[in-house]
Amino acid sequence: GGNHMAIAMAVLKFIGGLLPFVQELLKAVM
């Protein structure tokens, strides 16, 4: 299924959007 692929892409986009936020959080904690 193509639906599975769409879900995977959505998850990747979500993680990609979170990465900068996580990096800033780690910098603040360090």
PDB file of N, CA and C in Angstrom:
ATOM      1  N   GLY A   1       0.545  -1.133   0.000  1.00  0.00           N
ATOM      2  CA  GLY A   1       0.000   0.000   0.000  1.00  0.00           C
ATOM      3  C   GLY A   1       0.640   1.331   0.000  1.00  0.00           C
ATOM      4  N   GLY A   2      -0.023   2.172  -0.779  1.00  0.00           N
ATOM      5  CA  GLY A   2       0.413   3.559  -0.835  1.00  0.00           C
ATOM      6  C   GLY A   2       0.120   4.292   0.455  1.00  0.00           C
ATOM      7  N   ASN A   3      -0.898   3.822   1.193  1.00  0.00           N
ATOM      8  CA  ASN A   3      -1.253   4.489   2.448  1.00  0.00           C
ATOM      9  C   ASN A   3      -0.110   4.396   3.440  1.00  0.00           C
ATOM     10  N   HIS A   4       0.539   3.241   3.475  1.00  0.00           N
ATOM     11  CA  HIS A   4       1.665   3.024   4.392  1.00  0.00           C
ATOM     12  C   HIS A   4       2.777   4.028   4.106  1.00  0.00           C
ATOM     13  N   MET A   5       3.006   4.270   2.812  1.00  0.00           N
ATOM     14  CA  MET A   5       4.055   5.202   2.389  1.00  0.00           C
ATOM     15  C   MET A   5       3.709   6.615   2.840  1.00  0.00           C
ATOM     16  N   ALA A   6       2.436   6.991   2.716  1.00  0.00           N
ATOM     17  CA  ALA A   6       2.007   8.336   3.110  1.00  0.00           C
ATOM     18  C   ALA A   6       2.218   8.536   4.601  1.00  0.00           C
ATOM     19  N   ILE A   7       1.918   7.511   5.384  1.00  0.00           N
ATOM     20  CA  ILE A   7       2.096   7.600   6.838  1.00  0.00           C
ATOM     21  C   ILE A   7       3.583   7.748   7.165  1.00  0.00           C
ATOM     22  N   ALA A   8       4.422   6.980   6.481  1.00  0.00           N
ATOM     23  CA  ALA A   8       5.865   7.053   6.724  1.00  0.00           C
ATOM     24  C   ALA A   8       6.390   8.453   6.405  1.00  0.00           C
ATOM     25  N   MET A   9       5.911   9.043   5.306  1.00  0.00           N
ATOM     26  CA  MET A   9       6.350  10.388   4.924  1.00  0.00           C
ATOM     27  C   MET A   9       5.908  11.411   5.959  1.00  0.00           C
ATOM     28  N   ALA A  10       4.687  11.254   6.474  1.00  0.00           N
ATOM     29  CA  ALA A  10       4.168  12.180   7.483  1.00  0.00           C
ATOM     30  C   ALA A  10       5.006  12.098   8.752  1.00  0.00           C
ATOM     31  N   VAL A  11       5.381  10.883   9.135  1.00  0.00           N
ATOM     32  CA  VAL A  11       6.195  10.689  10.338  1.00  0.00           C
ATOM     33  C   VAL A  11       7.574  11.327  10.149  1.00  0.00           C
ATOM     34  N   LEU A  12       8.163  11.120   8.965  1.00  0.00           N
ATOM     35  CA  LEU A  12       9.480  11.701   8.687  1.00  0.00           C
ATOM     36  C   LEU A  12       9.426  13.222   8.740  1.00  0.00           C
ATOM     37  N   LYS A  13       8.345  13.797   8.172  1.00  0.00           N
ATOM     38  CA  LYS A  13       8.198  15.256   8.178  1.00  0.00           C
ATOM     39  C   LYS A  13       8.048  15.758   9.602  1.00  0.00           C
ATOM     40  N   PHE A  14       7.292  15.010  10.408  1.00  0.00           N
ATOM     41  CA  PHE A  14       7.069  15.383  11.809  1.00  0.00           C
ATOM     42  C   PHE A  14       8.392  15.373  12.579  1.00  0.00           C
ATOM     43  N   ILE A  15       9.176  14.313  12.387  1.00  0.00           N
ATOM     44  CA  ILE A  15      10.471  14.197  13.072  1.00  0.00           C
ATOM     45  C   ILE A  15      11.416  15.300  12.594  1.00  0.00           C
ATOM     46  N   GLY A  16      11.400  15.576  11.294  1.00  0.00           N
ATOM     47  CA  GLY A  16      12.248  16.623  10.737  1.00  0.00           C
ATOM     48  C   GLY A  16      11.912  17.983  11.334  1.00  0.00           C
ATOM     49  N   GLY A  17      10.625  18.206  11.600  1.00  0.00           N
ATOM     50  CA  GLY A  17      10.206  19.475  12.189  1.00  0.00           C
ATOM     51  C   GLY A  17      10.603  19.565  13.647  1.00  0.00           C
ATOM     52  N   LEU A  18      10.670  18.414  14.323  1.00  0.00           N
ATOM     53  CA  LEU A  18      11.001  18.404  15.748  1.00  0.00           C
ATOM     54  C   LEU A  18      12.501  18.527  16.015  1.00  0.00           C
ATOM     55  N   LEU A  19      13.325  18.056  15.072  1.00  0.00           N
ATOM     56  CA  LEU A  19      14.775  18.040  15.299  1.00  0.00           C
ATOM     57  C   LEU A  19      15.370  19.361  15.778  1.00  0.00           C
ATOM     58  N   PRO A  20      15.103  20.490  15.105  1.00  0.00           N
ATOM     59  CA  PRO A  20      15.688  21.762  15.561  1.00  0.00           C
ATOM     60  C   PRO A  20      15.248  22.094  16.982  1.00  0.00           C
ATOM     61  N   PHE A  21      13.987  21.794  17.296  1.00  0.00           N
ATOM     62  CA  PHE A  21      13.462  22.060  18.638  1.00  0.00           C
ATOM     63  C   PHE A  21      14.203  21.231  19.683  1.00  0.00           C
ATOM     64  N   VAL A  22      14.442  19.960  19.349  1.00  0.00           N
ATOM     65  CA  VAL A  22      15.163  19.070  20.271  1.00  0.00           C
ATOM     66  C   VAL A  22      16.595  19.558  20.472  1.00  0.00           C
ATOM     67  N   GLN A  23      17.228  20.011  19.391  1.00  0.00           N
ATOM     68  CA  GLN A  23      18.605  20.516  19.486  1.00  0.00           C
ATOM     69  C   GLN A  23      18.669  21.725  20.405  1.00  0.00           C
ATOM     70  N   GLU A  24      17.724  22.656  20.269  1.00  0.00           N
ATOM     71  CA  GLU A  24      17.698  23.849  21.116  1.00  0.00           C
ATOM     72  C   GLU A  24      17.486  23.449  22.565  1.00  0.00           C
ATOM     73  N   LEU A  25      16.618  22.460  22.775  1.00  0.00           N
ATOM     74  CA  LEU A  25      16.328  21.977  24.129  1.00  0.00           C
ATOM     75  C   LEU A  25      17.600  21.396  24.751  1.00  0.00           C
ATOM     76  N   LEU A  26      18.327  20.589  23.978  1.00  0.00           N
ATOM     77  CA  LEU A  26      19.566  19.989  24.482  1.00  0.00           C
ATOM     78  C   LEU A  26      20.594  21.062  24.812  1.00  0.00           C
ATOM     79  N   LYS A  27      20.679  22.090  23.948  1.00  0.00           N
ATOM     80  CA  LYS A  27      21.632  23.182  24.186  1.00  0.00           C
ATOM     81  C   LYS A  27      21.294  23.902  25.483  1.00  0.00           C
ATOM     82  N   ALA A  28      20.016  24.098  25.727  1.00  0.00           N
ATOM     83  CA  ALA A  28      19.580  24.805  26.936  1.00  0.00           C
ATOM     84  C   ALA A  28      19.891  23.976  28.180  1.00  0.00           C
ATOM     85  N   VAL A  29      19.761  22.653  28.054  1.00  0.00           N
ATOM     86  CA  VAL A  29      19.983  21.771  29.208  1.00  0.00           C
ATOM     87  C   VAL A  29      21.471  21.619  29.513  1.00  0.00           C
ATOM     88  N   MET A  30      22.282  21.519  28.474  1.00  0.00           N
ATOM     89  CA  MET A  30      23.723  21.306  28.662  1.00  0.00           C
ATOM     90  C   MET A  30      24.377  22.433  29.460  1.00  0.00           C
TER      91      MET A  30
END
